Amino acid sequence: SLDNTDYNNKEFVIEDIDGRWIGF
């Protein structure tokens, strides 16, 4: 879920139908 990372990004991550993790 949407959060601030330890590398200073505000992001969330989804998993697509093929199992890929994609960050936004």
PDBML (XML) file of the C-alpha atoms, coordinates in Angstrom:
<?xml version="1.0" encoding="UTF-8" ?>
<PDBx:datablock datablockName="MODEL"
   xmlns:PDBx="http://pdbml.pdb.org/schema/pdbx-v50.xsd"
   xmlns:xsi="http://www.w3.org/2001/XMLSchema-instance"
   xsi:schemaLocation="http://pdbml.pdb.org/schema/pdbx-v50.xsd pdbx-v50.xsd">
   <PDBx:atom_siteCategory>
      <PDBx:atom_site id="1">
         <PDBx:B_iso_or_equiv>0.00</PDBx:B_iso_or_equiv>
         <PDBx:Cartn_x>0.000</PDBx:Cartn_x>
         <PDBx:Cartn_y>0.000</PDBx:Cartn_y>
         <PDBx:Cartn_z>0.000</PDBx:Cartn_z>
         <PDBx:auth_asym_id>A</PDBx:auth_asym_id>
         <PDBx:auth_atom_id>CA</PDBx:auth_atom_id>
         <PDBx:auth_comp_id>SER</PDBx:auth_comp_id>
         <PDBx:auth_seq_id>1</PDBx:auth_seq_id>
         <PDBx:group_PDB>ATOM</PDBx:group_PDB>
         <PDBx:label_alt_id xsi:nil="true" />
         <PDBx:label_asym_id>A</PDBx:label_asym_id>
         <PDBx:label_atom_id>CA</PDBx:label_atom_id>
         <PDBx:label_comp_id>SER</PDBx:label_comp_id>
         <PDBx:label_entity_id>1</PDBx:label_entity_id>
         <PDBx:label_seq_id>1</PDBx:label_seq_id>
         <PDBx:occupancy>1.00</PDBx:occupancy>
         <PDBx:pdbx_PDB_model_num>1</PDBx:pdbx_PDB_model_num>
         <PDBx:type_symbol>C</PDBx:type_symbol>
      </PDBx:atom_site>
      <PDBx:atom_site id="2">
         <PDBx:B_iso_or_equiv>0.00</PDBx:B_iso_or_equiv>
         <PDBx:Cartn_x>0.931</PDBx:Cartn_x>
         <PDBx:Cartn_y>3.620</PDBx:Cartn_y>
         <PDBx:Cartn_z>-0.466</PDBx:Cartn_z>
         <PDBx:auth_asym_id>A</PDBx:auth_asym_id>
         <PDBx:auth_atom_id>CA</PDBx:auth_atom_id>
         <PDBx:auth_comp_id>LEU</PDBx:auth_comp_id>
         <PDBx:auth_seq_id>2</PDBx:auth_seq_id>
         <PDBx:group_PDB>ATOM</PDBx:group_PDB>
         <PDBx:label_alt_id xsi:nil="true" />
         <PDBx:label_asym_id>A</PDBx:label_asym_id>
         <PDBx:label_atom_id>CA</PDBx:label_atom_id>
         <PDBx:label_comp_id>LEU</PDBx:label_comp_id>
         <PDBx:label_entity_id>1</PDBx:label_entity_id>
         <PDBx:label_seq_id>2</PDBx:label_seq_id>
         <PDBx:occupancy>1.00</PDBx:occupancy>
         <PDBx:pdbx_PDB_model_num>1</PDBx:pdbx_PDB_model_num>
         <PDBx:type_symbol>C</PDBx:type_symbol>
      </PDBx:atom_site>
      <PDBx:atom_site id="3">
         <PDBx:B_iso_or_equiv>0.00</PDBx:B_iso_or_equiv>
         <PDBx:Cartn_x>3.759</PDBx:Cartn_x>
         <PDBx:Cartn_y>4.572</PDBx:Cartn_y>
         <PDBx:Cartn_z>1.856</PDBx:Cartn_z>
         <PDBx:auth_asym_id>A</PDBx:auth_asym_id>
         <PDBx:auth_atom_id>CA</PDBx:auth_atom_id>
         <PDBx:auth_comp_id>ASP</PDBx:auth_comp_id>
         <PDBx:auth_seq_id>3</PDBx:auth_seq_id>
         <PDBx:group_PDB>ATOM</PDBx:group_PDB>
         <PDBx:label_alt_id xsi:nil="true" />
         <PDBx:label_asym_id>A</PDBx:label_asym_id>
         <PDBx:label_atom_id>CA</PDBx:label_atom_id>
         <PDBx:label_comp_id>ASP</PDBx:label_comp_id>
         <PDBx:label_entity_id>1</PDBx:label_entity_id>
         <PDBx:label_seq_id>3</PDBx:label_seq_id>
         <PDBx:occupancy>1.00</PDBx:occupancy>
         <PDBx:pdbx_PDB_model_num>1</PDBx:pdbx_PDB_model_num>
         <PDBx:type_symbol>C</PDBx:type_symbol>
      </PDBx:atom_site>
      <PDBx:atom_site id="4">
         <PDBx:B_iso_or_equiv>0.00</PDBx:B_iso_or_equiv>
         <PDBx:Cartn_x>6.993</PDBx:Cartn_x>
         <PDBx:Cartn_y>6.547</PDBx:Cartn_y>
         <PDBx:Cartn_z>2.040</PDBx:Cartn_z>
         <PDBx:auth_asym_id>A</PDBx:auth_asym_id>
         <PDBx:auth_atom_id>CA</PDBx:auth_atom_id>
         <PDBx:auth_comp_id>ASN</PDBx:auth_comp_id>
         <PDBx:auth_seq_id>4</PDBx:auth_seq_id>
         <PDBx:group_PDB>ATOM</PDBx:group_PDB>
         <PDBx:label_alt_id xsi:nil="true" />
         <PDBx:label_asym_id>A</PDBx:label_asym_id>
         <PDBx:label_atom_id>CA</PDBx:label_atom_id>
         <PDBx:label_comp_id>ASN</PDBx:label_comp_id>
         <PDBx:label_entity_id>1</PDBx:label_entity_id>
         <PDBx:label_seq_id>4</PDBx:label_seq_id>
         <PDBx:occupancy>1.00</PDBx:occupancy>
         <PDBx:pdbx_PDB_model_num>1</PDBx:pdbx_PDB_model_num>
         <PDBx:type_symbol>C</PDBx:type_symbol>
      </PDBx:atom_site>
      <PDBx:atom_site id="5">
         <PDBx:B_iso_or_equiv>0.00</PDBx:B_iso_or_equiv>
         <PDBx:Cartn_x>9.986</PDBx:Cartn_x>
         <PDBx:Cartn_y>4.288</PDBx:Cartn_y>
         <PDBx:Cartn_z>1.461</PDBx:Cartn_z>
         <PDBx:auth_asym_id>A</PDBx:auth_asym_id>
         <PDBx:auth_atom_id>CA</PDBx:auth_atom_id>
         <PDBx:auth_comp_id>THR</PDBx:auth_comp_id>
         <PDBx:auth_seq_id>5</PDBx:auth_seq_id>
         <PDBx:group_PDB>ATOM</PDBx:group_PDB>
         <PDBx:label_alt_id xsi:nil="true" />
         <PDBx:label_asym_id>A</PDBx:label_asym_id>
         <PDBx:label_atom_id>CA</PDBx:label_atom_id>
         <PDBx:label_comp_id>THR</PDBx:label_comp_id>
         <PDBx:label_entity_id>1</PDBx:label_entity_id>
         <PDBx:label_seq_id>5</PDBx:label_seq_id>
         <PDBx:occupancy>1.00</PDBx:occupancy>
         <PDBx:pdbx_PDB_model_num>1</PDBx:pdbx_PDB_model_num>
         <PDBx:type_symbol>C</PDBx:type_symbol>
      </PDBx:atom_site>
      <PDBx:atom_site id="6">
         <PDBx:B_iso_or_equiv>0.00</PDBx:B_iso_or_equiv>
         <PDBx:Cartn_x>13.380</PDBx:Cartn_x>
         <PDBx:Cartn_y>4.334</PDBx:Cartn_y>
         <PDBx:Cartn_z>3.154</PDBx:Cartn_z>
         <PDBx:auth_asym_id>A</PDBx:auth_asym_id>
         <PDBx:auth_atom_id>CA</PDBx:auth_atom_id>
         <PDBx:auth_comp_id>ASP</PDBx:auth_comp_id>
         <PDBx:auth_seq_id>6</PDBx:auth_seq_id>
         <PDBx:group_PDB>ATOM</PDBx:group_PDB>
         <PDBx:label_alt_id xsi:nil="true" />
         <PDBx:label_asym_id>A</PDBx:label_asym_id>
         <PDBx:label_atom_id>CA</PDBx:label_atom_id>
         <PDBx:label_comp_id>ASP</PDBx:label_comp_id>
         <PDBx:label_entity_id>1</PDBx:label_entity_id>
         <PDBx:label_seq_id>6</PDBx:label_seq_id>
         <PDBx:occupancy>1.00</PDBx:occupancy>
         <PDBx:pdbx_PDB_model_num>1</PDBx:pdbx_PDB_model_num>
         <PDBx:type_symbol>C</PDBx:type_symbol>
      </PDBx:atom_site>
      <PDBx:atom_site id="7">
         <PDBx:B_iso_or_equiv>0.00</PDBx:B_iso_or_equiv>
         <PDBx:Cartn_x>14.811</PDBx:Cartn_x>
         <PDBx:Cartn_y>5.626</PDBx:Cartn_y>
         <PDBx:Cartn_z>-0.153</PDBx:Cartn_z>
         <PDBx:auth_asym_id>A</PDBx:auth_asym_id>
         <PDBx:auth_atom_id>CA</PDBx:auth_atom_id>
         <PDBx:auth_comp_id>TYR</PDBx:auth_comp_id>
         <PDBx:auth_seq_id>7</PDBx:auth_seq_id>
         <PDBx:group_PDB>ATOM</PDBx:group_PDB>
         <PDBx:label_alt_id xsi:nil="true" />
         <PDBx:label_asym_id>A</PDBx:label_asym_id>
         <PDBx:label_atom_id>CA</PDBx:label_atom_id>
         <PDBx:label_comp_id>TYR</PDBx:label_comp_id>
         <PDBx:label_entity_id>1</PDBx:label_entity_id>
         <PDBx:label_seq_id>7</PDBx:label_seq_id>
         <PDBx:occupancy>1.00</PDBx:occupancy>
         <PDBx:pdbx_PDB_model_num>1</PDBx:pdbx_PDB_model_num>
         <PDBx:type_symbol>C</PDBx:type_symbol>
      </PDBx:atom_site>
      <PDBx:atom_site id="8">
         <PDBx:B_iso_or_equiv>0.00</PDBx:B_iso_or_equiv>
         <PDBx:Cartn_x>12.521</PDBx:Cartn_x>
         <PDBx:Cartn_y>8.672</PDBx:Cartn_y>
         <PDBx:Cartn_z>-0.078</PDBx:Cartn_z>
         <PDBx:auth_asym_id>A</PDBx:auth_asym_id>
         <PDBx:auth_atom_id>CA</PDBx:auth_atom_id>
         <PDBx:auth_comp_id>ASN</PDBx:auth_comp_id>
         <PDBx:auth_seq_id>8</PDBx:auth_seq_id>
         <PDBx:group_PDB>ATOM</PDBx:group_PDB>
         <PDBx:label_alt_id xsi:nil="true" />
         <PDBx:label_asym_id>A</PDBx:label_asym_id>
         <PDBx:label_atom_id>CA</PDBx:label_atom_id>
         <PDBx:label_comp_id>ASN</PDBx:label_comp_id>
         <PDBx:label_entity_id>1</PDBx:label_entity_id>
         <PDBx:label_seq_id>8</PDBx:label_seq_id>
         <PDBx:occupancy>1.00</PDBx:occupancy>
         <PDBx:pdbx_PDB_model_num>1</PDBx:pdbx_PDB_model_num>
         <PDBx:type_symbol>C</PDBx:type_symbol>
      </PDBx:atom_site>
      <PDBx:atom_site id="9">
         <PDBx:B_iso_or_equiv>0.00</PDBx:B_iso_or_equiv>
         <PDBx:Cartn_x>9.840</PDBx:Cartn_x>
         <PDBx:Cartn_y>7.651</PDBx:Cartn_y>
         <PDBx:Cartn_z>-2.576</PDBx:Cartn_z>
         <PDBx:auth_asym_id>A</PDBx:auth_asym_id>
         <PDBx:auth_atom_id>CA</PDBx:auth_atom_id>
         <PDBx:auth_comp_id>ASN</PDBx:auth_comp_id>
         <PDBx:auth_seq_id>9</PDBx:auth_seq_id>
         <PDBx:group_PDB>ATOM</PDBx:group_PDB>
         <PDBx:label_alt_id xsi:nil="true" />
         <PDBx:label_asym_id>A</PDBx:label_asym_id>
         <PDBx:label_atom_id>CA</PDBx:label_atom_id>
         <PDBx:label_comp_id>ASN</PDBx:label_comp_id>
         <PDBx:label_entity_id>1</PDBx:label_entity_id>
         <PDBx:label_seq_id>9</PDBx:label_seq_id>
         <PDBx:occupancy>1.00</PDBx:occupancy>
         <PDBx:pdbx_PDB_model_num>1</PDBx:pdbx_PDB_model_num>
         <PDBx:type_symbol>C</PDBx:type_symbol>
      </PDBx:atom_site>
      <PDBx:atom_site id="10">
         <PDBx:B_iso_or_equiv>0.00</PDBx:B_iso_or_equiv>
         <PDBx:Cartn_x>6.087</PDBx:Cartn_x>
         <PDBx:Cartn_y>7.837</PDBx:Cartn_y>
         <PDBx:Cartn_z>-2.052</PDBx:Cartn_z>
         <PDBx:auth_asym_id>A</PDBx:auth_asym_id>
         <PDBx:auth_atom_id>CA</PDBx:auth_atom_id>
         <PDBx:auth_comp_id>LYS</PDBx:auth_comp_id>
         <PDBx:auth_seq_id>10</PDBx:auth_seq_id>
         <PDBx:group_PDB>ATOM</PDBx:group_PDB>
         <PDBx:label_alt_id xsi:nil="true" />
         <PDBx:label_asym_id>A</PDBx:label_asym_id>
         <PDBx:label_atom_id>CA</PDBx:label_atom_id>
         <PDBx:label_comp_id>LYS</PDBx:label_comp_id>
         <PDBx:label_entity_id>1</PDBx:label_entity_id>
         <PDBx:label_seq_id>10</PDBx:label_seq_id>
         <PDBx:occupancy>1.00</PDBx:occupancy>
         <PDBx:pdbx_PDB_model_num>1</PDBx:pdbx_PDB_model_num>
         <PDBx:type_symbol>C</PDBx:type_symbol>
      </PDBx:atom_site>
      <PDBx:atom_site id="11">
         <PDBx:B_iso_or_equiv>0.00</PDBx:B_iso_or_equiv>
         <PDBx:Cartn_x>4.840</PDBx:Cartn_x>
         <PDBx:Cartn_y>4.692</PDBx:Cartn_y>
         <PDBx:Cartn_z>-3.756</PDBx:Cartn_z>
         <PDBx:auth_asym_id>A</PDBx:auth_asym_id>
         <PDBx:auth_atom_id>CA</PDBx:auth_atom_id>
         <PDBx:auth_comp_id>GLU</PDBx:auth_comp_id>
         <PDBx:auth_seq_id>11</PDBx:auth_seq_id>
         <PDBx:group_PDB>ATOM</PDBx:group_PDB>
         <PDBx:label_alt_id xsi:nil="true" />
         <PDBx:label_asym_id>A</PDBx:label_asym_id>
         <PDBx:label_atom_id>CA</PDBx:label_atom_id>
         <PDBx:label_comp_id>GLU</PDBx:label_comp_id>
         <PDBx:label_entity_id>1</PDBx:label_entity_id>
         <PDBx:label_seq_id>11</PDBx:label_seq_id>
         <PDBx:occupancy>1.00</PDBx:occupancy>
         <PDBx:pdbx_PDB_model_num>1</PDBx:pdbx_PDB_model_num>
         <PDBx:type_symbol>C</PDBx:type_symbol>
      </PDBx:atom_site>
      <PDBx:atom_site id="12">
         <PDBx:B_iso_or_equiv>0.00</PDBx:B_iso_or_equiv>
         <PDBx:Cartn_x>2.576</PDBx:Cartn_x>
         <PDBx:Cartn_y>1.671</PDBx:Cartn_y>
         <PDBx:Cartn_z>-3.904</PDBx:Cartn_z>
         <PDBx:auth_asym_id>A</PDBx:auth_asym_id>
         <PDBx:auth_atom_id>CA</PDBx:auth_atom_id>
         <PDBx:auth_comp_id>PHE</PDBx:auth_comp_id>
         <PDBx:auth_seq_id>12</PDBx:auth_seq_id>
         <PDBx:group_PDB>ATOM</PDBx:group_PDB>
         <PDBx:label_alt_id xsi:nil="true" />
         <PDBx:label_asym_id>A</PDBx:label_asym_id>
         <PDBx:label_atom_id>CA</PDBx:label_atom_id>
         <PDBx:label_comp_id>PHE</PDBx:label_comp_id>
         <PDBx:label_entity_id>1</PDBx:label_entity_id>
         <PDBx:label_seq_id>12</PDBx:label_seq_id>
         <PDBx:occupancy>1.00</PDBx:occupancy>
         <PDBx:pdbx_PDB_model_num>1</PDBx:pdbx_PDB_model_num>
         <PDBx:type_symbol>C</PDBx:type_symbol>
      </PDBx:atom_site>
      <PDBx:atom_site id="13">
         <PDBx:B_iso_or_equiv>0.00</PDBx:B_iso_or_equiv>
         <PDBx:Cartn_x>3.057</PDBx:Cartn_x>
         <PDBx:Cartn_y>-1.652</PDBx:Cartn_y>
         <PDBx:Cartn_z>-5.680</PDBx:Cartn_z>
         <PDBx:auth_asym_id>A</PDBx:auth_asym_id>
         <PDBx:auth_atom_id>CA</PDBx:auth_atom_id>
         <PDBx:auth_comp_id>VAL</PDBx:auth_comp_id>
         <PDBx:auth_seq_id>13</PDBx:auth_seq_id>
         <PDBx:group_PDB>ATOM</PDBx:group_PDB>
         <PDBx:label_alt_id xsi:nil="true" />
         <PDBx:label_asym_id>A</PDBx:label_asym_id>
         <PDBx:label_atom_id>CA</PDBx:label_atom_id>
         <PDBx:label_comp_id>VAL</PDBx:label_comp_id>
         <PDBx:label_entity_id>1</PDBx:label_entity_id>
         <PDBx:label_seq_id>13</PDBx:label_seq_id>
         <PDBx:occupancy>1.00</PDBx:occupancy>
         <PDBx:pdbx_PDB_model_num>1</PDBx:pdbx_PDB_model_num>
         <PDBx:type_symbol>C</PDBx:type_symbol>
      </PDBx:atom_site>
      <PDBx:atom_site id="14">
         <PDBx:B_iso_or_equiv>0.00</PDBx:B_iso_or_equiv>
         <PDBx:Cartn_x>0.647</PDBx:Cartn_x>
         <PDBx:Cartn_y>-3.862</PDBx:Cartn_y>
         <PDBx:Cartn_z>-7.605</PDBx:Cartn_z>
         <PDBx:auth_asym_id>A</PDBx:auth_asym_id>
         <PDBx:auth_atom_id>CA</PDBx:auth_atom_id>
         <PDBx:auth_comp_id>ILE</PDBx:auth_comp_id>
         <PDBx:auth_seq_id>14</PDBx:auth_seq_id>
         <PDBx:group_PDB>ATOM</PDBx:group_PDB>
         <PDBx:label_alt_id xsi:nil="true" />
         <PDBx:label_asym_id>A</PDBx:label_asym_id>
         <PDBx:label_atom_id>CA</PDBx:label_atom_id>
         <PDBx:label_comp_id>ILE</PDBx:label_comp_id>
         <PDBx:label_entity_id>1</PDBx:label_entity_id>
         <PDBx:label_seq_id>14</PDBx:label_seq_id>
         <PDBx:occupancy>1.00</PDBx:occupancy>
         <PDBx:pdbx_PDB_model_num>1</PDBx:pdbx_PDB_model_num>
         <PDBx:type_symbol>C</PDBx:type_symbol>
      </PDBx:atom_site>
      <PDBx:atom_site id="15">
         <PDBx:B_iso_or_equiv>0.00</PDBx:B_iso_or_equiv>
         <PDBx:Cartn_x>0.930</PDBx:Cartn_x>
         <PDBx:Cartn_y>-7.390</PDBx:Cartn_y>
         <PDBx:Cartn_z>-8.938</PDBx:Cartn_z>
         <PDBx:auth_asym_id>A</PDBx:auth_asym_id>
         <PDBx:auth_atom_id>CA</PDBx:auth_atom_id>
         <PDBx:auth_comp_id>GLU</PDBx:auth_comp_id>
         <PDBx:auth_seq_id>15</PDBx:auth_seq_id>
         <PDBx:group_PDB>ATOM</PDBx:group_PDB>
         <PDBx:label_alt_id xsi:nil="true" />
         <PDBx:label_asym_id>A</PDBx:label_asym_id>
         <PDBx:label_atom_id>CA</PDBx:label_atom_id>
         <PDBx:label_comp_id>GLU</PDBx:label_comp_id>
         <PDBx:label_entity_id>1</PDBx:label_entity_id>
         <PDBx:label_seq_id>15</PDBx:label_seq_id>
         <PDBx:occupancy>1.00</PDBx:occupancy>
         <PDBx:pdbx_PDB_model_num>1</PDBx:pdbx_PDB_model_num>
         <PDBx:type_symbol>C</PDBx:type_symbol>
      </PDBx:atom_site>
      <PDBx:atom_site id="16">
         <PDBx:B_iso_or_equiv>0.00</PDBx:B_iso_or_equiv>
         <PDBx:Cartn_x>-0.214</PDBx:Cartn_x>
         <PDBx:Cartn_y>-7.874</PDBx:Cartn_y>
         <PDBx:Cartn_z>-12.518</PDBx:Cartn_z>
         <PDBx:auth_asym_id>A</PDBx:auth_asym_id>
         <PDBx:auth_atom_id>CA</PDBx:auth_atom_id>
         <PDBx:auth_comp_id>ASP</PDBx:auth_comp_id>
         <PDBx:auth_seq_id>16</PDBx:auth_seq_id>
         <PDBx:group_PDB>ATOM</PDBx:group_PDB>
         <PDBx:label_alt_id xsi:nil="true" />
         <PDBx:label_asym_id>A</PDBx:label_asym_id>
         <PDBx:label_atom_id>CA</PDBx:label_atom_id>
         <PDBx:label_comp_id>ASP</PDBx:label_comp_id>
         <PDBx:label_entity_id>1</PDBx:label_entity_id>
         <PDBx:label_seq_id>16</PDBx:label_seq_id>
         <PDBx:occupancy>1.00</PDBx:occupancy>
         <PDBx:pdbx_PDB_model_num>1</PDBx:pdbx_PDB_model_num>
         <PDBx:type_symbol>C</PDBx:type_symbol>
      </PDBx:atom_site>
      <PDBx:atom_site id="17">
         <PDBx:B_iso_or_equiv>0.00</PDBx:B_iso_or_equiv>
         <PDBx:Cartn_x>-1.869</PDBx:Cartn_x>
         <PDBx:Cartn_y>-10.935</PDBx:Cartn_y>
         <PDBx:Cartn_z>-14.032</PDBx:Cartn_z>
         <PDBx:auth_asym_id>A</PDBx:auth_asym_id>
         <PDBx:auth_atom_id>CA</PDBx:auth_atom_id>
         <PDBx:auth_comp_id>ILE</PDBx:auth_comp_id>
         <PDBx:auth_seq_id>17</PDBx:auth_seq_id>
         <PDBx:group_PDB>ATOM</PDBx:group_PDB>
         <PDBx:label_alt_id xsi:nil="true" />
         <PDBx:label_asym_id>A</PDBx:label_asym_id>
         <PDBx:label_atom_id>CA</PDBx:label_atom_id>
         <PDBx:label_comp_id>ILE</PDBx:label_comp_id>
         <PDBx:label_entity_id>1</PDBx:label_entity_id>
         <PDBx:label_seq_id>17</PDBx:label_seq_id>
         <PDBx:occupancy>1.00</PDBx:occupancy>
         <PDBx:pdbx_PDB_model_num>1</PDBx:pdbx_PDB_model_num>
         <PDBx:type_symbol>C</PDBx:type_symbol>
      </PDBx:atom_site>
      <PDBx:atom_site id="18">
         <PDBx:B_iso_or_equiv>0.00</PDBx:B_iso_or_equiv>
         <PDBx:Cartn_x>1.534</PDBx:Cartn_x>
         <PDBx:Cartn_y>-12.478</PDBx:Cartn_y>
         <PDBx:Cartn_z>-14.857</PDBx:Cartn_z>
         <PDBx:auth_asym_id>A</PDBx:auth_asym_id>
         <PDBx:auth_atom_id>CA</PDBx:auth_atom_id>
         <PDBx:auth_comp_id>ASP</PDBx:auth_comp_id>
         <PDBx:auth_seq_id>18</PDBx:auth_seq_id>
         <PDBx:group_PDB>ATOM</PDBx:group_PDB>
         <PDBx:label_alt_id xsi:nil="true" />
         <PDBx:label_asym_id>A</PDBx:label_asym_id>
         <PDBx:label_atom_id>CA</PDBx:label_atom_id>
         <PDBx:label_comp_id>ASP</PDBx:label_comp_id>
         <PDBx:label_entity_id>1</PDBx:label_entity_id>
         <PDBx:label_seq_id>18</PDBx:label_seq_id>
         <PDBx:occupancy>1.00</PDBx:occupancy>
         <PDBx:pdbx_PDB_model_num>1</PDBx:pdbx_PDB_model_num>
         <PDBx:type_symbol>C</PDBx:type_symbol>
      </PDBx:atom_site>
      <PDBx:atom_site id="19">
         <PDBx:B_iso_or_equiv>0.00</PDBx:B_iso_or_equiv>
         <PDBx:Cartn_x>2.958</PDBx:Cartn_x>
         <PDBx:Cartn_y>-11.986</PDBx:Cartn_y>
         <PDBx:Cartn_z>-11.344</PDBx:Cartn_z>
         <PDBx:auth_asym_id>A</PDBx:auth_asym_id>
         <PDBx:auth_atom_id>CA</PDBx:auth_atom_id>
         <PDBx:auth_comp_id>GLY</PDBx:auth_comp_id>
         <PDBx:auth_seq_id>19</PDBx:auth_seq_id>
         <PDBx:group_PDB>ATOM</PDBx:group_PDB>
         <PDBx:label_alt_id xsi:nil="true" />
         <PDBx:label_asym_id>A</PDBx:label_asym_id>
         <PDBx:label_atom_id>CA</PDBx:label_atom_id>
         <PDBx:label_comp_id>GLY</PDBx:label_comp_id>
         <PDBx:label_entity_id>1</PDBx:label_entity_id>
         <PDBx:label_seq_id>19</PDBx:label_seq_id>
         <PDBx:occupancy>1.00</PDBx:occupancy>
         <PDBx:pdbx_PDB_model_num>1</PDBx:pdbx_PDB_model_num>
         <PDBx:type_symbol>C</PDBx:type_symbol>
      </PDBx:atom_site>
      <PDBx:atom_site id="20">
         <PDBx:B_iso_or_equiv>0.00</PDBx:B_iso_or_equiv>
         <PDBx:Cartn_x>5.052</PDBx:Cartn_x>
         <PDBx:Cartn_y>-8.900</PDBx:Cartn_y>
         <PDBx:Cartn_z>-12.091</PDBx:Cartn_z>
         <PDBx:auth_asym_id>A</PDBx:auth_asym_id>
         <PDBx:auth_atom_id>CA</PDBx:auth_atom_id>
         <PDBx:auth_comp_id>ARG</PDBx:auth_comp_id>
         <PDBx:auth_seq_id>20</PDBx:auth_seq_id>
         <PDBx:group_PDB>ATOM</PDBx:group_PDB>
         <PDBx:label_alt_id xsi:nil="true" />
         <PDBx:label_asym_id>A</PDBx:label_asym_id>
         <PDBx:label_atom_id>CA</PDBx:label_atom_id>
         <PDBx:label_comp_id>ARG</PDBx:label_comp_id>
         <PDBx:label_entity_id>1</PDBx:label_entity_id>
         <PDBx:label_seq_id>20</PDBx:label_seq_id>
         <PDBx:occupancy>1.00</PDBx:occupancy>
         <PDBx:pdbx_PDB_model_num>1</PDBx:pdbx_PDB_model_num>
         <PDBx:type_symbol>C</PDBx:type_symbol>
      </PDBx:atom_site>
      <PDBx:atom_site id="21">
         <PDBx:B_iso_or_equiv>0.00</PDBx:B_iso_or_equiv>
         <PDBx:Cartn_x>5.406</PDBx:Cartn_x>
         <PDBx:Cartn_y>-6.348</PDBx:Cartn_y>
         <PDBx:Cartn_z>-9.291</PDBx:Cartn_z>
         <PDBx:auth_asym_id>A</PDBx:auth_asym_id>
         <PDBx:auth_atom_id>CA</PDBx:auth_atom_id>
         <PDBx:auth_comp_id>TRP</PDBx:auth_comp_id>
         <PDBx:auth_seq_id>21</PDBx:auth_seq_id>
         <PDBx:group_PDB>ATOM</PDBx:group_PDB>
         <PDBx:label_alt_id xsi:nil="true" />
         <PDBx:label_asym_id>A</PDBx:label_asym_id>
         <PDBx:label_atom_id>CA</PDBx:label_atom_id>
         <PDBx:label_comp_id>TRP</PDBx:label_comp_id>
         <PDBx:label_entity_id>1</PDBx:label_entity_id>
         <PDBx:label_seq_id>21</PDBx:label_seq_id>
         <PDBx:occupancy>1.00</PDBx:occupancy>
         <PDBx:pdbx_PDB_model_num>1</PDBx:pdbx_PDB_model_num>
         <PDBx:type_symbol>C</PDBx:type_symbol>
      </PDBx:atom_site>
      <PDBx:atom_site id="22">
         <PDBx:B_iso_or_equiv>0.00</PDBx:B_iso_or_equiv>
         <PDBx:Cartn_x>5.000</PDBx:Cartn_x>
         <PDBx:Cartn_y>-2.820</PDBx:Cartn_y>
         <PDBx:Cartn_z>-10.616</PDBx:Cartn_z>
         <PDBx:auth_asym_id>A</PDBx:auth_asym_id>
         <PDBx:auth_atom_id>CA</PDBx:auth_atom_id>
         <PDBx:auth_comp_id>ILE</PDBx:auth_comp_id>
         <PDBx:auth_seq_id>22</PDBx:auth_seq_id>
         <PDBx:group_PDB>ATOM</PDBx:group_PDB>
         <PDBx:label_alt_id xsi:nil="true" />
         <PDBx:label_asym_id>A</PDBx:label_asym_id>
         <PDBx:label_atom_id>CA</PDBx:label_atom_id>
         <PDBx:label_comp_id>ILE</PDBx:label_comp_id>
         <PDBx:label_entity_id>1</PDBx:label_entity_id>
         <PDBx:label_seq_id>22</PDBx:label_seq_id>
         <PDBx:occupancy>1.00</PDBx:occupancy>
         <PDBx:pdbx_PDB_model_num>1</PDBx:pdbx_PDB_model_num>
         <PDBx:type_symbol>C</PDBx:type_symbol>
      </PDBx:atom_site>
      <PDBx:atom_site id="23">
         <PDBx:B_iso_or_equiv>0.00</PDBx:B_iso_or_equiv>
         <PDBx:Cartn_x>5.761</PDBx:Cartn_x>
         <PDBx:Cartn_y>0.249</PDBx:Cartn_y>
         <PDBx:Cartn_z>-8.506</PDBx:Cartn_z>
         <PDBx:auth_asym_id>A</PDBx:auth_asym_id>
         <PDBx:auth_atom_id>CA</PDBx:auth_atom_id>
         <PDBx:auth_comp_id>GLY</PDBx:auth_comp_id>
         <PDBx:auth_seq_id>23</PDBx:auth_seq_id>
         <PDBx:group_PDB>ATOM</PDBx:group_PDB>
         <PDBx:label_alt_id xsi:nil="true" />
         <PDBx:label_asym_id>A</PDBx:label_asym_id>
         <PDBx:label_atom_id>CA</PDBx:label_atom_id>
         <PDBx:label_comp_id>GLY</PDBx:label_comp_id>
         <PDBx:label_entity_id>1</PDBx:label_entity_id>
         <PDBx:label_seq_id>23</PDBx:label_seq_id>
         <PDBx:occupancy>1.00</PDBx:occupancy>
         <PDBx:pdbx_PDB_model_num>1</PDBx:pdbx_PDB_model_num>
         <PDBx:type_symbol>C</PDBx:type_symbol>
      </PDBx:atom_site>
      <PDBx:atom_site id="24">
         <PDBx:B_iso_or_equiv>0.00</PDBx:B_iso_or_equiv>
         <PDBx:Cartn_x>3.904</PDBx:Cartn_x>
         <PDBx:Cartn_y>3.539</PDBx:Cartn_y>
         <PDBx:Cartn_z>-8.893</PDBx:Cartn_z>
         <PDBx:auth_asym_id>A</PDBx:auth_asym_id>
         <PDBx:auth_atom_id>CA</PDBx:auth_atom_id>
         <PDBx:auth_comp_id>PHE</PDBx:auth_comp_id>
         <PDBx:auth_seq_id>24</PDBx:auth_seq_id>
         <PDBx:group_PDB>ATOM</PDBx:group_PDB>
         <PDBx:label_alt_id xsi:nil="true" />
         <PDBx:label_asym_id>A</PDBx:label_asym_id>
         <PDBx:label_atom_id>CA</PDBx:label_atom_id>
         <PDBx:label_comp_id>PHE</PDBx:label_comp_id>
         <PDBx:label_entity_id>1</PDBx:label_entity_id>
         <PDBx:label_seq_id>24</PDBx:label_seq_id>
         <PDBx:occupancy>1.00</PDBx:occupancy>
         <PDBx:pdbx_PDB_model_num>1</PDBx:pdbx_PDB_model_num>
         <PDBx:type_symbol>C</PDBx:type_symbol>
      </PDBx:atom_site>
   </PDBx:atom_siteCategory>
</PDBx:datablock>
